Amino acid sequence: MKRYLIAVAVILLAALAWGQVPEEGVVQDAAARTFQTTAANDDPIAQTLFPPELVMKYRQEINLDDNQSRAMKDAIQKAQAKFLDLQWDMQTEQQKLVQLLKAQPVDENAALAQVDRVLSQEREVKKAQLSLLIRVKNLLSDAQQAKLNELRHRQ
């Protein structure tokens, strides 16, 4: 059981670190990265939303106006600041879990409680990602969304 718990925790940490930890101090657009990857796999949620990079890439083709562009930039900047805070907190919780898992023997109850804190942080990151993608979508007209869907499927 102890080995199983350690293996699960290591896999969890690797998965979280892979998708959530900024590289060399640069905050990556986690929302776009997550949803671009899953969109390719026919995720029905990702298919209904638009990563900011997709909108910016095709801003001329969808006739994105200055107000929409400005609002999108503001939403992205606010989201990136929030992602940085959340990622920082999540990394702190992950480090605490690693320390618990290094103990001999591992305190299973403490480790599981810490996993709950890590997962709670991950939930907040995903919630912030989804919030940004919803804001981006809500800035677009129905015609712009239809055009983006068409352009997305051509890629």
Protein backbone atom coordinates (compact mmCIF):
# COMPACT_ATOMS: atom_id res chain seq x y z
CA MET A 1 0.00 0.00 0.00
CA LYS A 2 2.84 2.35 0.89
CA ARG A 3 4.55 1.84 -2.48
CA TYR A 4 1.25 2.32 -4.27
CA LEU A 5 0.66 5.63 -2.46
CA ILE A 6 4.16 6.84 -3.28
CA ALA A 7 3.79 5.83 -6.94
CA VAL A 8 0.45 7.61 -7.23
CA ALA A 9 1.84 10.74 -5.58
CA VAL A 10 4.91 10.80 -7.83
CA ILE A 11 2.77 10.40 -10.94
CA LEU A 12 0.41 13.12 -9.70
CA LEU A 13 3.28 15.49 -9.02
CA ALA A 14 4.85 14.82 -12.39
CA ALA A 15 1.55 15.48 -14.15
CA LEU A 16 0.95 18.66 -12.19
CA ALA A 17 4.47 19.92 -12.70
CA TRP A 18 4.38 19.16 -16.42
CA GLY A 19 1.24 21.19 -17.02
CA GLN A 20 1.40 23.90 -14.40
CA VAL A 21 4.89 25.04 -13.39
CA PRO A 22 6.18 28.10 -15.24
CA GLU A 23 9.51 27.70 -17.00
CA GLU A 24 12.32 30.09 -16.11
CA GLY A 25 9.95 32.57 -14.49
CA VAL A 26 7.75 32.96 -17.55
CA VAL A 27 4.06 32.49 -16.96
CA GLN A 28 2.78 30.29 -19.73
CA ASP A 29 -0.76 30.55 -20.95
CA ALA A 30 -1.92 27.44 -19.17
CA ALA A 31 -5.46 27.83 -20.36
CA ALA A 32 -4.53 27.78 -24.00
CA ARG A 33 -2.03 24.99 -23.57
CA THR A 34 -4.51 22.77 -21.77
CA PHE A 35 -7.41 23.38 -24.10
CA GLN A 36 -5.41 23.29 -27.34
CA THR A 37 -4.12 19.85 -26.44
CA THR A 38 -7.53 18.51 -25.52
CA ALA A 39 -9.26 20.13 -28.51
CA ALA A 40 -7.13 17.98 -30.77
CA ASN A 41 -8.57 14.97 -28.97
CA ASP A 42 -12.18 15.98 -29.71
CA ASP A 43 -12.91 17.14 -26.18
CA PRO A 44 -16.44 18.57 -26.40
CA ILE A 45 -15.66 21.29 -23.85
CA ALA A 46 -12.53 22.43 -25.67
CA GLN A 47 -14.41 22.42 -28.97
CA THR A 48 -16.82 25.05 -27.61
CA LEU A 49 -14.13 27.44 -26.37
CA PHE A 50 -11.40 29.46 -28.06
CA PRO A 51 -7.83 29.76 -26.77
CA PRO A 52 -6.61 33.36 -26.82
CA GLU A 53 -3.82 32.42 -29.26
CA LEU A 54 -6.37 31.16 -31.77
CA VAL A 55 -8.34 34.40 -31.55
CA MET A 56 -5.20 36.52 -31.89
CA LYS A 57 -3.89 34.41 -34.77
CA TYR A 58 -7.08 34.96 -36.75
CA ARG A 59 -8.06 38.39 -35.46
CA GLN A 60 -8.09 39.89 -38.95
CA GLU A 61 -10.07 37.02 -40.46
CA ILE A 62 -12.76 37.32 -37.77
CA ASN A 63 -12.71 41.14 -37.82
CA LEU A 64 -11.83 41.53 -34.15
CA ASP A 65 -12.42 45.19 -33.32
CA ASP A 66 -10.26 47.39 -31.10
CA ASN A 67 -12.63 47.18 -28.13
CA GLN A 68 -12.69 43.38 -28.29
CA SER A 69 -8.93 43.25 -28.64
CA ARG A 70 -8.41 45.57 -25.69
CA ALA A 71 -10.88 43.63 -23.53
CA MET A 72 -9.19 40.37 -24.46
CA LYS A 73 -5.75 41.71 -23.56
CA ASP A 74 -7.08 42.89 -20.21
CA ALA A 75 -8.67 39.50 -19.50
CA ILE A 76 -5.47 37.67 -20.44
CA GLN A 77 -3.29 39.94 -18.30
CA LYS A 78 -5.55 39.50 -15.27
CA ALA A 79 -5.66 35.76 -15.81
CA GLN A 80 -1.88 35.50 -16.13
CA ALA A 81 -1.42 37.32 -12.82
CA LYS A 82 -3.88 34.93 -11.22
CA PHE A 83 -2.15 31.91 -12.83
CA LEU A 84 1.17 33.07 -11.40
CA ASP A 85 -0.27 33.28 -7.88
CA LEU A 86 -2.03 29.94 -8.18
CA GLN A 87 0.99 28.19 -9.66
CA TRP A 88 3.21 29.59 -6.92
CA ASP A 89 0.82 28.33 -4.24
CA MET A 90 0.43 24.96 -5.95
CA GLN A 91 4.19 24.50 -6.17
CA THR A 92 4.47 25.24 -2.45
CA GLU A 93 1.84 22.59 -1.68
CA GLN A 94 3.58 20.11 -3.99
CA GLN A 95 6.88 20.67 -2.20
CA LYS A 96 5.19 19.98 1.12
CA LEU A 97 3.84 16.72 -0.27
CA VAL A 98 7.29 15.71 -1.51
CA GLN A 99 8.69 16.29 1.97
CA LEU A 100 5.96 14.13 3.50
CA LEU A 101 6.68 11.37 0.98
CA LYS A 102 10.39 11.39 1.78
CA ALA A 103 9.73 10.36 5.37
CA GLN A 104 10.34 6.79 6.54
CA PRO A 105 7.71 5.64 7.17
CA VAL A 106 5.34 7.89 5.22
CA ASP A 107 2.50 9.25 7.33
CA GLU A 108 -0.34 8.13 5.07
CA ASN A 109 -2.97 10.39 6.64
CA ALA A 110 -0.76 13.47 6.39
CA ALA A 111 0.24 12.64 2.81
CA LEU A 112 -3.36 12.14 1.74
CA ALA A 113 -4.41 15.38 3.43
CA GLN A 114 -1.60 17.16 1.58
CA VAL A 115 -2.68 15.55 -1.72
CA ASP A 116 -6.10 17.08 -1.09
CA ARG A 117 -4.47 20.51 -0.73
CA VAL A 118 -2.49 19.99 -3.97
CA LEU A 119 -5.62 18.89 -5.81
CA SER A 120 -7.52 21.86 -4.43
CA GLN A 121 -4.88 24.17 -5.89
CA GLU A 122 -5.05 22.32 -9.20
CA ARG A 123 -8.83 22.78 -9.17
CA GLU A 124 -8.39 26.53 -8.73
CA VAL A 125 -5.94 26.66 -11.64
CA LYS A 126 -8.36 24.80 -13.90
CA LYS A 127 -11.21 27.04 -12.76
CA ALA A 128 -9.15 30.13 -13.65
CA GLN A 129 -8.29 28.59 -17.03
CA LEU A 130 -11.93 27.93 -17.80
CA SER A 131 -12.91 31.40 -16.60
CA LEU A 132 -10.49 33.00 -19.07
CA LEU A 133 -11.73 30.87 -21.94
CA ILE A 134 -15.34 31.74 -21.14
CA ARG A 135 -14.47 35.45 -21.06
CA VAL A 136 -12.73 35.16 -24.42
CA LYS A 137 -15.73 33.40 -25.94
CA ASN A 138 -18.15 35.95 -24.51
CA LEU A 139 -16.20 38.76 -26.18
CA LEU A 140 -16.84 37.22 -29.60
CA SER A 141 -19.97 37.54 -31.70
CA ASP A 142 -21.75 34.44 -32.99
CA ALA A 143 -20.35 35.10 -36.47
CA GLN A 144 -16.80 35.41 -35.10
CA GLN A 145 -17.20 32.15 -33.19
CA ALA A 146 -18.49 30.37 -36.29
CA LYS A 147 -15.56 31.67 -38.34
CA LEU A 148 -13.06 30.61 -35.64
CA ASN A 149 -14.56 27.12 -35.58
CA GLU A 150 -14.14 26.92 -39.33
CA LEU A 151 -10.54 28.17 -39.14
CA ARG A 152 -9.72 25.83 -36.24
CA HIS A 153 -10.81 22.79 -38.23
CA ARG A 154 -8.61 23.82 -41.17
CA GLN A 155 -5.44 23.74 -39.05
